[in-house]
């Protein structure tokens, strides 16, 4: 057996993302936002890109939740 050189040579031989893996990751990110305190209906209505951006910045999410709770 070789050392797997073909997998390290170029980026075009990397495995592509599967739809099931993408959906699993998106579901986990949505659950994380709900644990941060966001409403589940609000998170459900958001797009995947918006969810991804908010998960990267939990401090912003906590400020948004605190602002809504103060109203």
C-alpha atoms as a PDB file:
ATOM      1  CA  UNK A   1       0.000   0.000   0.000  1.00  0.00           C
ATOM      2  CA  UNK A   2       1.129   3.519  -0.755  1.00  0.00           C
ATOM      3  CA  UNK A   3       1.308   6.544   1.471  1.00  0.00           C
ATOM      4  CA  UNK A   4      -1.782   8.209   0.037  1.00  0.00           C
ATOM      5  CA  UNK A   5       0.117  10.802  -1.989  1.00  0.00           C
ATOM      6  CA  UNK A   6      -2.798  11.335  -4.377  1.00  0.00           C
ATOM      7  CA  UNK A   7      -4.971  12.635  -1.574  1.00  0.00           C
ATOM      8  CA  UNK A   8      -2.371  15.257  -0.626  1.00  0.00           C
ATOM      9  CA  UNK A   9      -1.422  16.482  -4.101  1.00  0.00           C
ATOM     10  CA  UNK A  10      -4.319  18.610  -5.302  1.00  0.00           C
ATOM     11  CA  UNK A  11      -7.518  19.974  -3.876  1.00  0.00           C
ATOM     12  CA  UNK A  12      -9.616  18.440  -6.660  1.00  0.00           C
ATOM     13  CA  UNK A  13      -9.274  14.971  -5.151  1.00  0.00           C
ATOM     14  CA  UNK A  14     -10.728  15.970  -1.794  1.00  0.00           C
ATOM     15  CA  UNK A  15     -14.051  14.313  -0.981  1.00  0.00           C
ATOM     16  CA  UNK A  16     -17.080  16.497  -1.644  1.00  0.00           C
ATOM     17  CA  UNK A  17     -19.617  17.343   1.037  1.00  0.00           C
ATOM     18  CA  UNK A  18     -22.625  15.082   1.159  1.00  0.00           C
ATOM     19  CA  UNK A  19     -26.122  16.577   1.570  1.00  0.00           C
ATOM     20  CA  UNK A  20     -26.749  14.467   4.678  1.00  0.00           C
ATOM     21  CA  UNK A  21     -23.634  15.815   6.381  1.00  0.00           C
ATOM     22  CA  UNK A  22     -24.573  19.365   5.484  1.00  0.00           C
ATOM     23  CA  UNK A  23     -28.089  18.896   6.875  1.00  0.00           C
ATOM     24  CA  UNK A  24     -26.710  17.334  10.065  1.00  0.00           C
ATOM     25  CA  UNK A  25     -24.380  20.290  10.599  1.00  0.00           C
ATOM     26  CA  UNK A  26     -27.153  22.800   9.931  1.00  0.00           C
ATOM     27  CA  UNK A  27     -29.459  21.039  12.394  1.00  0.00           C
ATOM     28  CA  UNK A  28     -26.753  21.072  15.070  1.00  0.00           C
ATOM     29  CA  UNK A  29     -26.112  24.792  14.499  1.00  0.00           C
ATOM     30  CA  UNK A  30     -29.818  25.586  14.804  1.00  0.00           C
ATOM     31  CA  UNK A  31     -29.992  23.618  18.066  1.00  0.00           C
ATOM     32  CA  UNK A  32     -26.988  25.570  19.338  1.00  0.00           C
ATOM     33  CA  UNK A  33     -28.760  28.872  18.662  1.00  0.00           C
ATOM     34  CA  UNK A  34     -31.815  27.649  20.571  1.00  0.00           C
ATOM     35  CA  UNK A  35     -29.547  26.732  23.498  1.00  0.00           C
ATOM     36  CA  UNK A  36     -28.128  30.267  23.380  1.00  0.00           C
ATOM     37  CA  UNK A  37     -31.655  31.472  24.105  1.00  0.00           C
ATOM     38  CA  UNK A  38     -33.147  32.301  20.712  1.00  0.00           C
ATOM     39  CA  UNK A  39     -36.737  31.369  19.950  1.00  0.00           C
ATOM     40  CA  UNK A  40     -37.053  28.068  18.046  1.00  0.00           C
ATOM     41  CA  UNK A  41     -39.577  29.550  15.590  1.00  0.00           C
ATOM     42  CA  UNK A  42     -37.238  32.434  14.786  1.00  0.00           C
ATOM     43  CA  UNK A  43     -34.330  30.069  14.213  1.00  0.00           C
ATOM     44  CA  UNK A  44     -36.511  27.833  12.049  1.00  0.00           C
ATOM     45  CA  UNK A  45     -37.441  30.738   9.793  1.00  0.00           C
ATOM     46  CA  UNK A  46     -33.811  31.779   9.268  1.00  0.00           C
ATOM     47  CA  UNK A  47     -31.718  30.632   6.339  1.00  0.00           C
ATOM     48  CA  UNK A  48     -28.661  28.422   6.677  1.00  0.00           C
ATOM     49  CA  UNK A  49     -26.271  31.288   5.958  1.00  0.00           C
ATOM     50  CA  UNK A  50     -27.765  33.487   8.689  1.00  0.00           C
ATOM     51  CA  UNK A  51     -27.612  30.640  11.184  1.00  0.00           C
ATOM     52  CA  UNK A  52     -23.968  30.013  10.332  1.00  0.00           C
ATOM     53  CA  UNK A  53     -23.046  33.662  10.884  1.00  0.00           C
ATOM     54  CA  UNK A  54     -24.806  33.855  14.255  1.00  0.00           C
ATOM     55  CA  UNK A  55     -23.298  30.617  15.540  1.00  0.00           C
ATOM     56  CA  UNK A  56     -19.842  32.065  14.925  1.00  0.00           C
ATOM     57  CA  UNK A  57     -20.601  34.998  17.248  1.00  0.00           C
ATOM     58  CA  UNK A  58     -22.365  33.764  20.420  1.00  0.00           C
ATOM     59  CA  UNK A  59     -21.858  37.102  22.207  1.00  0.00           C
ATOM     60  CA  UNK A  60     -23.963  38.845  19.553  1.00  0.00           C
ATOM     61  CA  UNK A  61     -26.705  36.245  19.969  1.00  0.00           C
ATOM     62  CA  UNK A  62     -26.761  36.700  23.733  1.00  0.00           C
ATOM     63  CA  UNK A  63     -27.042  40.488  23.282  1.00  0.00           C
ATOM     64  CA  UNK A  64     -29.971  40.034  20.864  1.00  0.00           C
ATOM     65  CA  UNK A  65     -31.726  37.705  23.302  1.00  0.00           C
ATOM     66  CA  UNK A  66     -31.144  40.083  26.208  1.00  0.00           C
ATOM     67  CA  UNK A  67     -32.489  42.996  24.160  1.00  0.00           C
ATOM     68  CA  UNK A  68     -35.686  41.088  23.308  1.00  0.00           C
ATOM     69  CA  UNK A  69     -36.115  40.006  26.923  1.00  0.00           C
ATOM     70  CA  UNK A  70     -35.817  43.616  28.112  1.00  0.00           C
ATOM     71  CA  UNK A  71     -38.757  44.699  25.938  1.00  0.00           C
END
